Amino acid sequence: MDDLTTLARHHLDRAKTDPHGRSSHLFLHDGPLRQSVIAMVAGCQLDEHNAPPAASLQVLHGHVRLTAGKTGHVRMELIAGQVQRIPQERHGLVAVEDSVVLLTAVTATMGCPTPTEEAAAHQHAARPRMAG
C-alpha cells in the first residue's frame, strides 16, 4: 500500500531540485486504471496535451490552474482538497504555488463511450433524415 502523504512530500522535495521543476510517479497500474502523483514547483507548467478517456485531478497540496479549450481560455483554479474531472479535450496544468496532485486516469473504456463519443452519437442520432 502506498502512502499519499509520503509520496507527495518525497516528490515535492525532488521537484525542488529537478531542473524542470517537477517529479512524478505512477504508483498504481491496474488494467486501464492509472494513478500518479505529480509534484510541481510554483510556475512550473505541463504543456497542453490530450486527455485520456476519463480522468480526474485531486490537489493534495498547493494551488494549480487547469487550462482547457483550444486557446486555454477555460481556467479552473484548484486548491488542496479539491478534485476536478479533467475535460475531454486538450488541457494543461500550471502550478500557481508549490503543488502536488493525484492524477487518476482510465486509459481504455471498452463498451463505455467517452463523453465526447456520447455527444457525437447524440448529434448523429438527432440529424433529420431525408425521406426517400
N, C-alpha and C. Protein backbone atom coordinates (compact mmCIF):
# COMPACT_ATOMS: atom_id res chain seq x y z
N MET A 1 0.85 -1.17 0.00
CA MET A 1 0.00 0.00 0.00
C MET A 1 0.89 1.24 0.00
N ASP A 2 0.51 2.21 -0.84
CA ASP A 2 1.27 3.45 -0.91
C ASP A 2 0.65 4.49 0.02
N ASP A 3 1.49 5.32 0.61
CA ASP A 3 1.05 6.40 1.48
C ASP A 3 1.15 7.70 0.67
N LEU A 4 -0.01 8.31 0.36
CA LEU A 4 -0.03 9.50 -0.49
C LEU A 4 0.72 10.68 0.14
N THR A 5 0.62 10.82 1.45
CA THR A 5 1.31 11.92 2.12
C THR A 5 2.82 11.79 1.95
N THR A 6 3.33 10.58 2.14
CA THR A 6 4.77 10.32 1.97
C THR A 6 5.19 10.53 0.53
N LEU A 7 4.40 10.01 -0.42
CA LEU A 7 4.72 10.20 -1.84
C LEU A 7 4.72 11.68 -2.21
N ALA A 8 3.74 12.42 -1.71
CA ALA A 8 3.64 13.84 -2.02
C ALA A 8 4.87 14.60 -1.52
N ARG A 9 5.25 14.36 -0.28
CA ARG A 9 6.43 15.04 0.30
C ARG A 9 7.69 14.70 -0.48
N HIS A 10 7.87 13.39 -0.74
CA HIS A 10 9.06 12.93 -1.44
C HIS A 10 9.19 13.58 -2.82
N HIS A 11 8.08 13.58 -3.57
CA HIS A 11 8.15 14.10 -4.95
C HIS A 11 8.21 15.62 -4.99
N LEU A 12 7.65 16.30 -4.00
CA LEU A 12 7.80 17.75 -3.96
C LEU A 12 9.26 18.10 -3.66
N ASP A 13 9.91 17.36 -2.77
CA ASP A 13 11.33 17.57 -2.50
C ASP A 13 12.15 17.34 -3.77
N ARG A 14 11.82 16.30 -4.51
CA ARG A 14 12.53 16.01 -5.77
C ARG A 14 12.29 17.10 -6.81
N ALA A 15 11.05 17.58 -6.89
CA ALA A 15 10.71 18.64 -7.86
C ALA A 15 11.53 19.90 -7.60
N LYS A 16 11.77 20.18 -6.33
CA LYS A 16 12.51 21.40 -5.96
C LYS A 16 13.96 21.36 -6.42
N THR A 17 14.50 20.16 -6.65
CA THR A 17 15.88 20.04 -7.12
C THR A 17 15.96 19.65 -8.59
N ASP A 18 14.81 19.38 -9.22
CA ASP A 18 14.77 18.98 -10.63
C ASP A 18 14.91 20.22 -11.52
N PRO A 19 15.72 20.15 -12.58
CA PRO A 19 15.89 21.31 -13.45
C PRO A 19 14.58 21.77 -14.11
N HIS A 20 13.63 20.86 -14.28
CA HIS A 20 12.35 21.21 -14.89
C HIS A 20 11.29 21.57 -13.85
N GLY A 21 11.62 21.40 -12.57
CA GLY A 21 10.72 21.79 -11.50
C GLY A 21 9.55 20.84 -11.28
N ARG A 22 9.75 19.57 -11.64
CA ARG A 22 8.65 18.61 -11.41
C ARG A 22 9.19 17.21 -11.16
N SER A 23 8.33 16.40 -10.56
CA SER A 23 8.65 15.00 -10.29
C SER A 23 7.32 14.24 -10.25
N SER A 24 7.31 13.05 -10.82
CA SER A 24 6.07 12.27 -10.83
C SER A 24 6.36 10.79 -10.64
N HIS A 25 5.31 10.08 -10.26
CA HIS A 25 5.45 8.64 -10.02
C HIS A 25 4.11 7.96 -10.26
N LEU A 26 4.09 7.00 -11.19
CA LEU A 26 2.93 6.15 -11.41
C LEU A 26 2.98 5.07 -10.35
N PHE A 27 2.06 5.12 -9.38
CA PHE A 27 2.13 4.17 -8.28
C PHE A 27 1.05 3.10 -8.34
N LEU A 28 0.05 3.26 -9.18
CA LEU A 28 -0.98 2.24 -9.32
C LEU A 28 -1.28 2.05 -10.79
N HIS A 29 -1.13 0.81 -11.25
CA HIS A 29 -1.39 0.47 -12.64
C HIS A 29 -2.14 -0.85 -12.62
N ASP A 30 -3.44 -0.78 -12.86
CA ASP A 30 -4.30 -1.96 -12.79
C ASP A 30 -5.21 -1.96 -14.02
N GLY A 31 -4.85 -2.75 -15.03
CA GLY A 31 -5.61 -2.74 -16.27
C GLY A 31 -5.60 -1.33 -16.84
N PRO A 32 -6.78 -0.77 -17.15
CA PRO A 32 -6.81 0.58 -17.72
C PRO A 32 -6.70 1.70 -16.68
N LEU A 33 -6.68 1.35 -15.40
CA LEU A 33 -6.63 2.36 -14.34
C LEU A 33 -5.19 2.74 -14.02
N ARG A 34 -4.94 4.06 -13.97
CA ARG A 34 -3.62 4.58 -13.61
C ARG A 34 -3.80 5.66 -12.55
N GLN A 35 -2.92 5.65 -11.54
CA GLN A 35 -2.89 6.72 -10.57
C GLN A 35 -1.44 7.17 -10.40
N SER A 36 -1.26 8.47 -10.51
CA SER A 36 0.08 9.06 -10.43
C SER A 36 0.07 10.26 -9.50
N VAL A 37 1.19 10.43 -8.81
CA VAL A 37 1.43 11.64 -8.04
C VAL A 37 2.34 12.51 -8.90
N ILE A 38 1.95 13.79 -9.04
CA ILE A 38 2.74 14.74 -9.81
C ILE A 38 3.02 15.94 -8.92
N ALA A 39 4.29 16.23 -8.71
CA ALA A 39 4.69 17.39 -7.91
C ALA A 39 5.30 18.43 -8.84
N MET A 40 4.96 19.70 -8.60
CA MET A 40 5.44 20.79 -9.44
C MET A 40 5.75 21.99 -8.55
N VAL A 41 6.87 22.66 -8.82
CA VAL A 41 7.18 23.89 -8.07
C VAL A 41 6.39 25.04 -8.68
N ALA A 42 6.22 26.11 -7.93
CA ALA A 42 5.48 27.28 -8.39
C ALA A 42 6.02 27.75 -9.74
N GLY A 43 5.11 28.00 -10.67
CA GLY A 43 5.48 28.47 -12.00
C GLY A 43 5.70 27.36 -13.01
N CYS A 44 5.86 26.14 -12.56
CA CYS A 44 6.06 25.00 -13.46
C CYS A 44 4.76 24.77 -14.25
N GLN A 45 4.92 24.34 -15.48
CA GLN A 45 3.77 24.15 -16.35
C GLN A 45 3.88 22.83 -17.10
N LEU A 46 2.78 22.11 -17.18
CA LEU A 46 2.68 20.95 -18.07
C LEU A 46 1.96 21.46 -19.31
N ASP A 47 2.65 21.45 -20.44
CA ASP A 47 2.07 21.98 -21.66
C ASP A 47 0.80 21.21 -22.04
N GLU A 48 0.03 21.85 -22.89
CA GLU A 48 -1.22 21.27 -23.36
C GLU A 48 -0.98 19.87 -23.94
N HIS A 49 -1.85 18.93 -23.56
CA HIS A 49 -1.75 17.55 -24.03
C HIS A 49 -3.15 16.96 -24.11
N ASN A 50 -3.27 15.80 -24.77
CA ASN A 50 -4.57 15.14 -24.95
C ASN A 50 -5.05 14.52 -23.65
N ALA A 51 -6.35 14.43 -23.51
CA ALA A 51 -6.97 13.82 -22.33
C ALA A 51 -7.17 12.33 -22.57
N PRO A 52 -7.02 11.52 -21.53
CA PRO A 52 -7.39 10.10 -21.64
C PRO A 52 -8.91 10.00 -21.69
N PRO A 53 -9.46 8.81 -21.92
CA PRO A 53 -10.91 8.67 -21.99
C PRO A 53 -11.65 9.17 -20.75
N ALA A 54 -11.05 9.02 -19.58
CA ALA A 54 -11.66 9.52 -18.33
C ALA A 54 -10.54 9.80 -17.35
N ALA A 55 -10.66 10.94 -16.64
CA ALA A 55 -9.60 11.29 -15.68
C ALA A 55 -10.10 12.34 -14.70
N SER A 56 -9.43 12.35 -13.53
CA SER A 56 -9.70 13.39 -12.54
C SER A 56 -8.37 13.84 -11.95
N LEU A 57 -8.41 15.04 -11.39
CA LEU A 57 -7.23 15.63 -10.77
C LEU A 57 -7.62 16.07 -9.37
N GLN A 58 -6.91 15.56 -8.36
CA GLN A 58 -7.15 15.95 -6.98
C GLN A 58 -5.90 16.65 -6.48
N VAL A 59 -6.07 17.83 -5.90
CA VAL A 59 -4.93 18.58 -5.37
C VAL A 59 -4.67 18.11 -3.95
N LEU A 60 -3.49 17.55 -3.73
CA LEU A 60 -3.09 17.08 -2.41
C LEU A 60 -2.42 18.19 -1.60
N HIS A 61 -1.73 19.09 -2.32
CA HIS A 61 -1.00 20.18 -1.66
C HIS A 61 -0.88 21.33 -2.65
N GLY A 62 -1.12 22.54 -2.21
CA GLY A 62 -0.86 23.70 -3.04
C GLY A 62 -2.06 24.23 -3.80
N HIS A 63 -1.76 24.83 -4.96
CA HIS A 63 -2.73 25.54 -5.78
C HIS A 63 -2.30 25.39 -7.24
N VAL A 64 -3.19 24.86 -8.09
CA VAL A 64 -2.90 24.68 -9.51
C VAL A 64 -3.99 25.31 -10.36
N ARG A 65 -3.66 25.52 -11.62
CA ARG A 65 -4.62 26.02 -12.61
C ARG A 65 -4.69 25.01 -13.75
N LEU A 66 -5.86 24.45 -13.95
CA LEU A 66 -6.12 23.52 -15.05
C LEU A 66 -6.68 24.35 -16.20
N THR A 67 -6.02 24.31 -17.35
CA THR A 67 -6.49 25.07 -18.51
C THR A 67 -6.97 24.10 -19.58
N ALA A 68 -7.98 24.53 -20.31
CA ALA A 68 -8.54 23.68 -21.37
C ALA A 68 -9.11 24.57 -22.47
N GLY A 69 -9.54 23.97 -23.53
CA GLY A 69 -10.08 24.72 -24.65
C GLY A 69 -9.00 24.97 -25.67
N LYS A 70 -9.42 25.30 -26.87
CA LYS A 70 -8.47 25.47 -27.97
C LYS A 70 -7.42 26.53 -27.69
N THR A 71 -7.78 27.54 -26.93
CA THR A 71 -6.82 28.60 -26.63
C THR A 71 -6.48 28.66 -25.14
N GLY A 72 -6.87 27.63 -24.39
CA GLY A 72 -6.61 27.62 -22.96
C GLY A 72 -7.49 28.61 -22.22
N HIS A 73 -8.60 29.03 -22.85
CA HIS A 73 -9.47 30.05 -22.26
C HIS A 73 -10.28 29.54 -21.07
N VAL A 74 -10.47 28.24 -20.96
CA VAL A 74 -11.17 27.69 -19.79
C VAL A 74 -10.12 27.48 -18.71
N ARG A 75 -10.32 28.12 -17.56
CA ARG A 75 -9.35 28.03 -16.47
C ARG A 75 -10.07 27.62 -15.20
N MET A 76 -9.56 26.59 -14.57
CA MET A 76 -10.12 26.12 -13.31
C MET A 76 -9.04 26.20 -12.24
N GLU A 77 -9.28 27.00 -11.22
CA GLU A 77 -8.36 27.14 -10.11
C GLU A 77 -8.71 26.08 -9.07
N LEU A 78 -7.73 25.28 -8.67
CA LEU A 78 -7.95 24.21 -7.71
C LEU A 78 -6.95 24.34 -6.57
N ILE A 79 -7.43 24.16 -5.35
CA ILE A 79 -6.56 24.21 -4.18
C ILE A 79 -6.62 22.87 -3.44
N ALA A 80 -5.73 22.69 -2.48
CA ALA A 80 -5.64 21.44 -1.72
C ALA A 80 -7.02 20.99 -1.24
N GLY A 81 -7.31 19.73 -1.47
CA GLY A 81 -8.58 19.14 -1.05
C GLY A 81 -9.63 19.11 -2.15
N GLN A 82 -9.41 19.84 -3.24
CA GLN A 82 -10.40 19.87 -4.31
C GLN A 82 -10.07 18.84 -5.38
N VAL A 83 -11.13 18.36 -6.03
CA VAL A 83 -10.99 17.39 -7.11
C VAL A 83 -11.81 17.88 -8.29
N GLN A 84 -11.31 17.63 -9.51
CA GLN A 84 -11.97 18.10 -10.72
C GLN A 84 -11.85 17.04 -11.82
N ARG A 85 -12.94 16.80 -12.52
CA ARG A 85 -12.89 15.94 -13.71
C ARG A 85 -12.07 16.67 -14.76
N ILE A 86 -11.19 15.97 -15.43
CA ILE A 86 -10.40 16.59 -16.49
C ILE A 86 -11.24 16.61 -17.77
N PRO A 87 -11.36 17.78 -18.39
CA PRO A 87 -12.18 17.89 -19.59
C PRO A 87 -11.72 16.95 -20.71
N GLN A 88 -12.66 16.53 -21.53
CA GLN A 88 -12.36 15.64 -22.65
C GLN A 88 -11.86 16.44 -23.84
N GLU A 89 -10.79 17.18 -23.63
CA GLU A 89 -10.16 17.98 -24.67
C GLU A 89 -8.72 18.24 -24.24
N ARG A 90 -7.96 18.84 -25.14
CA ARG A 90 -6.58 19.16 -24.79
C ARG A 90 -6.59 20.10 -23.59
N HIS A 91 -5.62 19.91 -22.71
CA HIS A 91 -5.57 20.67 -21.48
C HIS A 91 -4.12 20.79 -20.99
N GLY A 92 -3.90 21.71 -20.08
CA GLY A 92 -2.58 21.90 -19.49
C GLY A 92 -2.74 22.15 -18.00
N LEU A 93 -1.61 22.21 -17.31
CA LEU A 93 -1.63 22.42 -15.86
C LEU A 93 -0.49 23.35 -15.47
N VAL A 94 -0.79 24.32 -14.60
CA VAL A 94 0.20 25.26 -14.10
C VAL A 94 0.17 25.22 -12.58
N ALA A 95 1.34 25.16 -11.96
CA ALA A 95 1.43 25.24 -10.50
C ALA A 95 1.49 26.72 -10.13
N VAL A 96 0.44 27.20 -9.48
CA VAL A 96 0.40 28.58 -9.02
C VAL A 96 1.34 28.74 -7.82
N GLU A 97 1.42 27.69 -7.00
CA GLU A 97 2.38 27.62 -5.91
C GLU A 97 2.89 26.18 -5.88
N ASP A 98 3.93 25.90 -5.08
CA ASP A 98 4.42 24.52 -5.00
C ASP A 98 3.22 23.61 -4.74
N SER A 99 3.08 22.57 -5.57
CA SER A 99 1.86 21.76 -5.53
C SER A 99 2.13 20.30 -5.80
N VAL A 100 1.21 19.46 -5.29
CA VAL A 100 1.23 18.03 -5.59
C VAL A 100 -0.21 17.64 -5.93
N VAL A 101 -0.36 16.92 -7.05
CA VAL A 101 -1.69 16.47 -7.46
C VAL A 101 -1.70 14.95 -7.62
N LEU A 102 -2.89 14.41 -7.48
CA LEU A 102 -3.13 12.99 -7.74
C LEU A 102 -3.91 12.92 -9.04
N LEU A 103 -3.31 12.32 -10.06
CA LEU A 103 -3.96 12.13 -11.34
C LEU A 103 -4.50 10.70 -11.39
N THR A 104 -5.81 10.59 -11.59
CA THR A 104 -6.44 9.28 -11.77
C THR A 104 -6.93 9.24 -13.21
N ALA A 105 -6.49 8.24 -13.97
CA ALA A 105 -6.86 8.16 -15.38
C ALA A 105 -7.29 6.74 -15.74
N VAL A 106 -8.27 6.68 -16.61
CA VAL A 106 -8.70 5.41 -17.21
C VAL A 106 -8.29 5.49 -18.66
N THR A 107 -7.45 4.58 -19.10
CA THR A 107 -6.86 4.66 -20.43
C THR A 107 -7.64 3.92 -21.50
N ALA A 108 -8.64 3.16 -21.11
CA ALA A 108 -9.48 2.44 -22.08
C ALA A 108 -10.88 2.30 -21.50
N THR A 109 -11.86 2.38 -22.37
CA THR A 109 -13.25 2.28 -21.91
C THR A 109 -14.03 1.35 -22.84
N MET A 110 -13.65 0.11 -22.90
CA MET A 110 -14.32 -0.84 -23.78
C MET A 110 -15.80 -0.94 -23.41
N GLY A 111 -16.66 -0.63 -24.39
CA GLY A 111 -18.09 -0.73 -24.17
C GLY A 111 -18.69 0.48 -23.49
N CYS A 112 -17.86 1.43 -23.06
CA CYS A 112 -18.36 2.64 -22.40
C CYS A 112 -17.86 3.84 -23.20
N PRO A 113 -18.75 4.55 -23.88
CA PRO A 113 -18.29 5.69 -24.67
C PRO A 113 -17.81 6.82 -23.76
N THR A 114 -16.82 7.56 -24.24
CA THR A 114 -16.38 8.75 -23.52
C THR A 114 -17.45 9.82 -23.68
N PRO A 115 -17.43 10.88 -22.87
CA PRO A 115 -18.41 11.96 -23.05
C PRO A 115 -18.38 12.54 -24.46
N THR A 116 -17.20 12.66 -25.07
CA THR A 116 -17.09 13.19 -26.42
C THR A 116 -17.75 12.25 -27.42
N GLU A 117 -17.50 10.94 -27.28
CA GLU A 117 -18.13 9.96 -28.17
C GLU A 117 -19.64 9.93 -27.99
N GLU A 118 -20.08 10.06 -26.74
CA GLU A 118 -21.51 10.06 -26.44
C GLU A 118 -22.19 11.27 -27.07
N ALA A 119 -21.58 12.45 -26.96
CA ALA A 119 -22.15 13.66 -27.56
C ALA A 119 -22.23 13.54 -29.08
N ALA A 120 -21.18 12.99 -29.69
CA ALA A 120 -21.18 12.81 -31.14
C ALA A 120 -22.29 11.85 -31.57
N ALA A 121 -22.52 10.80 -30.80
CA ALA A 121 -23.57 9.84 -31.12
C ALA A 121 -24.95 10.50 -31.03
N HIS A 122 -25.14 11.35 -30.02
CA HIS A 122 -26.42 12.06 -29.88
C HIS A 122 -26.65 13.03 -31.02
N GLN A 123 -25.58 13.72 -31.46
CA GLN A 123 -25.70 14.65 -32.58
C GLN A 123 -26.07 13.90 -33.85
N HIS A 124 -25.44 12.75 -34.07
CA HIS A 124 -25.71 11.94 -35.25
C HIS A 124 -27.17 11.46 -35.23
N ALA A 125 -27.64 11.00 -34.06
CA ALA A 125 -29.00 10.49 -33.95
C ALA A 125 -30.04 11.61 -34.12
N ALA A 126 -29.68 12.84 -33.78
CA ALA A 126 -30.61 13.96 -33.85
C ALA A 126 -30.73 14.58 -35.25
N ARG A 127 -29.85 14.20 -36.18
CA ARG A 127 -29.90 14.75 -37.53
C ARG A 127 -31.20 14.34 -38.24
N PRO A 128 -31.84 15.30 -38.93
CA PRO A 128 -33.06 14.93 -39.66
C PRO A 128 -32.71 14.00 -40.83
N ARG A 129 -33.60 13.08 -41.08
CA ARG A 129 -33.38 12.12 -42.18
C ARG A 129 -34.24 12.50 -43.36
N MET A 130 -33.70 12.31 -44.51
CA MET A 130 -34.41 12.64 -45.74
C MET A 130 -35.33 11.50 -46.11
N ALA A 131 -36.53 11.86 -46.49
CA ALA A 131 -37.49 10.83 -46.92
C ALA A 131 -37.10 10.34 -48.30
N GLY A 132 -37.25 9.06 -48.53
CA GLY A 132 -36.78 8.53 -49.79
C GLY A 132 -37.82 8.08 -50.63
